[in-house]
């Protein structure tokens, strides 16, 4: 009986240790955000990951950000501004959700000749109980401007 009790207690500690209830925010934030393939309605954003389980990519047309909400599920975001999840009543929207070693996102649905700000938040935890690192880092946040729309040939 003692052996089964020990196994049960060890299993319980392992499960609780892996639980998001015990998660703490990552200590290292994503940094060095860069942009490539900037077009009139799309761009690619890349960065160096911090040490979280994943990250959310937030886009805004001003440089003031509200932090993501711990209880929100951001996994449905796919890089398309039309599908982005609004954080508050401001212009901040979660446009991307990545996990593991992913460090690039193609953003679509943008407006031509518009300045956008990108901020990335590292997180630990799981859906409904994220623990975000809300610090800024070197080149996080960062901005880019989409190209002027091309005129169609006559």
Foldseek 3Di string as FASTA:
>chain_A
DVVVVVVVVVVVVVVVVQALVPDAAFPFAWADWDWDPFAFFKIKIFTAHGPAQWKWKKKFLDPDDDDADQQADQQVAAQEPVRWDDRDPHRITGRDITGDRDTMHMHGRHHGFGKMKMAMWGWYHDHRGTHTDPDADYPGTDMDTHHHDDDDDD
